Amino acid sequence: MLLASCQPDTGCRQETKVTAGVSVEWNKVDTMGVSTRITQWDSVTVQGVGTDSILYSNARSINELRLPLRPDTSLTEYEITWHGLTERLRIYHDNDRRYISMACGCIIFHTLDTVVSDQIFIEKAEIVNAAVENYEQTNIHLTLATISE
């Protein structure tokens, strides 16, 4: 008697990490009064509130922040330090745990509800895509205060 079977594919081929993408925009005014629109962060530090991990430490010339959202609650908070000022960003969201397979386990998708800041240097925080379902999309756009140099 001969039994033949296929080997199951035990490797997970699907990305299970999702993060909220945060883009920025701000104006820099030089000594001549010329304003330039900037769409990247420079010298930014980001730390999760309630954790001791620093996601970005004095990061320079980055176009977008990748912020993981908490799967155990509907509020994720970050402290962002930029130009010597620290501001708290609060992201309210719903969590949707989905089973993928034995090899991959679960993935948690999020739906953004509200984004709030202390408005110290973030003048406006808006949701541009509420569905946080992968690692590559932009979900939140921040308009920062104008900096004069």
C-alpha atoms as a PDB file:
ATOM      1  CA  MET A   1       0.000   0.000   0.000  1.00  0.00           C
ATOM      2  CA  LEU A   2       1.388   3.366  -1.000  1.00  0.00           C
ATOM      3  CA  LEU A   3       0.139   6.653   0.398  1.00  0.00           C
ATOM      4  CA  ALA A   4       0.975   9.874  -1.348  1.00  0.00           C
ATOM      5  CA  SER A   5       0.216  13.300  -0.060  1.00  0.00           C
ATOM      6  CA  CYS A   6       1.204  16.871  -0.620  1.00  0.00           C
ATOM      7  CA  GLN A   7       3.299  18.779   1.873  1.00  0.00           C
ATOM      8  CA  PRO A   8       1.398  21.756   3.205  1.00  0.00           C
ATOM      9  CA  ASP A   9       2.898  25.152   2.571  1.00  0.00           C
ATOM     10  CA  THR A  10       3.758  26.147   6.121  1.00  0.00           C
ATOM     11  CA  GLY A  11       5.411  29.448   5.266  1.00  0.00           C
ATOM     12  CA  CYS A  12       3.334  32.582   5.561  1.00  0.00           C
ATOM     13  CA  ARG A  13       3.394  34.486   2.317  1.00  0.00           C
ATOM     14  CA  GLN A  14       1.152  37.333   3.423  1.00  0.00           C
ATOM     15  CA  GLU A  15       2.314  40.465   5.233  1.00  0.00           C
ATOM     16  CA  THR A  16       0.643  40.585   8.645  1.00  0.00           C
ATOM     17  CA  LYS A  17       1.980  43.953   9.799  1.00  0.00           C
ATOM     18  CA  VAL A  18      -0.203  47.005   9.265  1.00  0.00           C
ATOM     19  CA  THR A  19       0.688  50.541  10.325  1.00  0.00           C
ATOM     20  CA  ALA A  20      -0.856  53.954   9.895  1.00  0.00           C
ATOM     21  CA  GLY A  21       1.054  56.129   7.458  1.00  0.00           C
ATOM     22  CA  VAL A  22       1.393  59.783   8.513  1.00  0.00           C
ATOM     23  CA  SER A  23       2.443  62.422   5.994  1.00  0.00           C
ATOM     24  CA  VAL A  24       3.264  66.058   6.735  1.00  0.00           C
ATOM     25  CA  GLU A  25       3.258  69.449   5.111  1.00  0.00           C
ATOM     26  CA  TRP A  26       4.624  72.740   6.407  1.00  0.00           C
ATOM     27  CA  ASN A  27       6.044  76.023   5.175  1.00  0.00           C
ATOM     28  CA  LYS A  28       9.543  77.296   5.785  1.00  0.00           C
ATOM     29  CA  VAL A  29      10.110  81.031   5.417  1.00  0.00           C
ATOM     30  CA  ASP A  30      13.677  82.221   4.839  1.00  0.00           C
ATOM     31  CA  THR A  31      15.225  85.542   5.884  1.00  0.00           C
ATOM     32  CA  MET A  32      14.098  87.140   2.606  1.00  0.00           C
ATOM     33  CA  GLY A  33      10.466  86.222   3.336  1.00  0.00           C
ATOM     34  CA  VAL A  34      10.305  83.515   0.667  1.00  0.00           C
ATOM     35  CA  SER A  35       8.033  80.645   1.686  1.00  0.00           C
ATOM     36  CA  THR A  36       8.809  77.057   0.642  1.00  0.00           C
ATOM     37  CA  ARG A  37       6.357  74.176   1.055  1.00  0.00           C
ATOM     38  CA  ILE A  38       8.089  71.195   2.703  1.00  0.00           C
ATOM     39  CA  THR A  39       6.665  67.656   2.681  1.00  0.00           C
ATOM     40  CA  GLN A  40       9.143  65.813   4.855  1.00  0.00           C
ATOM     41  CA  TRP A  41      10.163  65.588   8.505  1.00  0.00           C
ATOM     42  CA  ASP A  42      13.537  66.685   9.737  1.00  0.00           C
ATOM     43  CA  SER A  43      14.878  66.151  13.262  1.00  0.00           C
ATOM     44  CA  VAL A  44      11.737  64.424  14.518  1.00  0.00           C
ATOM     45  CA  THR A  45      11.457  62.036  17.466  1.00  0.00           C
ATOM     46  CA  VAL A  46       8.386  59.841  17.988  1.00  0.00           C
ATOM     47  CA  GLN A  47       7.643  57.743  21.065  1.00  0.00           C
ATOM     48  CA  GLY A  48       4.559  55.763  21.961  1.00  0.00           C
ATOM     49  CA  VAL A  49       2.763  56.899  25.123  1.00  0.00           C
ATOM     50  CA  GLY A  50       2.670  54.094  27.671  1.00  0.00           C
ATOM     51  CA  THR A  51       5.666  52.340  26.127  1.00  0.00           C
ATOM     52  CA  ASP A  52       9.359  52.957  26.399  1.00  0.00           C
ATOM     53  CA  SER A  53      10.091  52.286  22.744  1.00  0.00           C
ATOM     54  CA  ILE A  54      11.151  55.152  20.518  1.00  0.00           C
ATOM     55  CA  LEU A  55      10.033  54.664  16.916  1.00  0.00           C
ATOM     56  CA  TYR A  56      12.025  57.570  15.481  1.00  0.00           C
ATOM     57  CA  SER A  57      14.979  59.221  17.213  1.00  0.00           C
ATOM     58  CA  ASN A  58      15.982  62.571  15.722  1.00  0.00           C
ATOM     59  CA  ALA A  59      15.110  61.157  12.289  1.00  0.00           C
ATOM     60  CA  ARG A  60      16.026  63.309   9.322  1.00  0.00           C
ATOM     61  CA  SER A  61      14.617  63.725   5.824  1.00  0.00           C
ATOM     62  CA  ILE A  62      11.778  61.211   6.068  1.00  0.00           C
ATOM     63  CA  ASN A  63       8.632  61.558   3.986  1.00  0.00           C
ATOM     64  CA  GLU A  64       6.262  59.598   6.159  1.00  0.00           C
ATOM     65  CA  LEU A  65       5.953  58.160   9.648  1.00  0.00           C
ATOM     66  CA  ARG A  66       4.822  54.534  10.049  1.00  0.00           C
ATOM     67  CA  LEU A  67       2.892  54.277  13.313  1.00  0.00           C
ATOM     68  CA  PRO A  68       1.566  50.951  14.633  1.00  0.00           C
ATOM     69  CA  LEU A  69      -1.824  51.125  16.328  1.00  0.00           C
ATOM     70  CA  ARG A  70      -2.639  49.328  19.561  1.00  0.00           C
ATOM     71  CA  PRO A  71      -4.686  46.146  19.066  1.00  0.00           C
ATOM     72  CA  ASP A  72      -5.941  46.025  22.678  1.00  0.00           C
ATOM     73  CA  THR A  73      -7.660  49.406  22.870  1.00  0.00           C
ATOM     74  CA  SER A  74      -9.287  52.011  20.635  1.00  0.00           C
ATOM     75  CA  LEU A  75      -6.804  54.793  21.461  1.00  0.00           C
ATOM     76  CA  THR A  76      -3.156  54.983  20.447  1.00  0.00           C
ATOM     77  CA  GLU A  77      -1.090  57.969  21.568  1.00  0.00           C
ATOM     78  CA  TYR A  78       2.301  59.237  20.442  1.00  0.00           C
ATOM     79  CA  GLU A  79       4.538  62.037  21.627  1.00  0.00           C
ATOM     80  CA  ILE A  80       6.178  63.820  18.714  1.00  0.00           C
ATOM     81  CA  THR A  81       9.133  66.121  19.319  1.00  0.00           C
ATOM     82  CA  TRP A  82      10.044  68.579  16.553  1.00  0.00           C
ATOM     83  CA  HIS A  83      12.149  71.751  16.782  1.00  0.00           C
ATOM     84  CA  GLY A  84      12.389  71.396  20.575  1.00  0.00           C
ATOM     85  CA  LEU A  85       8.606  71.214  21.098  1.00  0.00           C
ATOM     86  CA  THR A  86       6.716  68.090  22.156  1.00  0.00           C
ATOM     87  CA  GLU A  87       3.139  67.423  21.133  1.00  0.00           C
ATOM     88  CA  ARG A  88       0.805  64.509  21.790  1.00  0.00           C
ATOM     89  CA  LEU A  89      -1.015  62.926  18.848  1.00  0.00           C
ATOM     90  CA  ARG A  90      -4.097  60.850  19.747  1.00  0.00           C
ATOM     91  CA  ILE A  91      -5.455  58.379  17.219  1.00  0.00           C
ATOM     92  CA  TYR A  92      -8.899  56.890  17.923  1.00  0.00           C
ATOM     93  CA  HIS A  93      -9.622  53.698  15.978  1.00  0.00           C
ATOM     94  CA  ASP A  94     -11.575  50.454  15.818  1.00  0.00           C
ATOM     95  CA  ASN A  95      -9.759  47.105  15.628  1.00  0.00           C
ATOM     96  CA  ASP A  96     -10.791  44.179  13.430  1.00  0.00           C
ATOM     97  CA  ARG A  97      -8.952  40.903  14.075  1.00  0.00           C
ATOM     98  CA  ARG A  98      -9.043  38.550  11.062  1.00  0.00           C
ATOM     99  CA  TYR A  99      -7.811  34.982  10.902  1.00  0.00           C
ATOM    100  CA  ILE A 100      -5.647  34.294   7.845  1.00  0.00           C
ATOM    101  CA  SER A 101      -4.336  30.723   8.246  1.00  0.00           C
ATOM    102  CA  MET A 102      -2.465  28.413  10.615  1.00  0.00           C
ATOM    103  CA  ALA A 103       0.841  29.556   9.141  1.00  0.00           C
ATOM    104  CA  CYS A 104       0.070  33.267   9.217  1.00  0.00           C
ATOM    105  CA  GLY A 105      -2.156  33.531  12.265  1.00  0.00           C
ATOM    106  CA  CYS A 106      -4.252  36.679  12.650  1.00  0.00           C
ATOM    107  CA  ILE A 107      -3.928  40.140  11.248  1.00  0.00           C
ATOM    108  CA  ILE A 108      -5.468  43.186  12.870  1.00  0.00           C
ATOM    109  CA  PHE A 109      -6.904  45.824  10.577  1.00  0.00           C
ATOM    110  CA  HIS A 110      -7.893  49.211  11.957  1.00  0.00           C
ATOM    111  CA  THR A 111     -10.458  51.817  10.999  1.00  0.00           C
ATOM    112  CA  LEU A 112      -9.537  55.356  11.980  1.00  0.00           C
ATOM    113  CA  ASP A 113     -12.217  57.404  13.684  1.00  0.00           C
ATOM    114  CA  THR A 114     -10.592  60.639  14.887  1.00  0.00           C
ATOM    115  CA  VAL A 115      -7.106  62.176  15.061  1.00  0.00           C
ATOM    116  CA  VAL A 116      -6.489  64.882  17.663  1.00  0.00           C
ATOM    117  CA  SER A 117      -3.392  66.891  18.579  1.00  0.00           C
ATOM    118  CA  ASP A 118      -2.521  69.471  21.234  1.00  0.00           C
ATOM    119  CA  GLN A 119      -2.046  72.021  18.408  1.00  0.00           C
ATOM    120  CA  ILE A 120       1.369  73.114  19.617  1.00  0.00           C
ATOM    121  CA  PHE A 121       3.036  72.744  16.210  1.00  0.00           C
ATOM    122  CA  ILE A 122       0.444  70.554  14.463  1.00  0.00           C
ATOM    123  CA  GLU A 123      -2.086  73.018  13.095  1.00  0.00           C
ATOM    124  CA  LYS A 124      -4.321  70.437  11.430  1.00  0.00           C
ATOM    125  CA  ALA A 125      -4.652  66.643  11.648  1.00  0.00           C
ATOM    126  CA  GLU A 126      -6.898  64.955   9.110  1.00  0.00           C
ATOM    127  CA  ILE A 127      -7.738  61.412   8.101  1.00  0.00           C
ATOM    128  CA  VAL A 128      -7.174  60.852   4.370  1.00  0.00           C
ATOM    129  CA  ASN A 129      -7.802  57.089   4.382  1.00  0.00           C
ATOM    130  CA  ALA A 130      -9.614  55.573   7.372  1.00  0.00           C
ATOM    131  CA  ALA A 131      -8.854  51.931   6.494  1.00  0.00           C
ATOM    132  CA  VAL A 132      -5.469  50.827   7.877  1.00  0.00           C
ATOM    133  CA  GLU A 133      -4.983  47.558   5.995  1.00  0.00           C
ATOM    134  CA  ASN A 134      -1.341  47.407   4.915  1.00  0.00           C
ATOM    135  CA  TYR A 135       2.113  48.870   5.410  1.00  0.00           C
ATOM    136  CA  GLU A 136       2.260  51.143   2.370  1.00  0.00           C
ATOM    137  CA  GLN A 137      -0.687  53.545   2.463  1.00  0.00           C
ATOM    138  CA  THR A 138      -1.024  57.052   3.850  1.00  0.00           C
ATOM    139  CA  ASN A 139      -3.825  57.374   6.396  1.00  0.00           C
ATOM    140  CA  ILE A 140      -3.229  60.657   8.229  1.00  0.00           C
ATOM    141  CA  HIS A 141      -2.021  64.033   6.965  1.00  0.00           C
ATOM    142  CA  LEU A 142      -0.620  66.650   9.339  1.00  0.00           C
ATOM    143  CA  THR A 143      -0.220  70.324   8.544  1.00  0.00           C
ATOM    144  CA  LEU A 144       2.503  71.763  10.737  1.00  0.00           C
ATOM    145  CA  ALA A 145       3.150  75.358  11.809  1.00  0.00           C
ATOM    146  CA  THR A 146       5.222  77.626   9.580  1.00  0.00           C
ATOM    147  CA  ILE A 147       8.879  77.855  10.619  1.00  0.00           C
ATOM    148  CA  SER A 148      10.878  81.053  10.041  1.00  0.00           C
ATOM    149  CA  GLU A 149      14.641  80.789   9.663  1.00  0.00           C
END
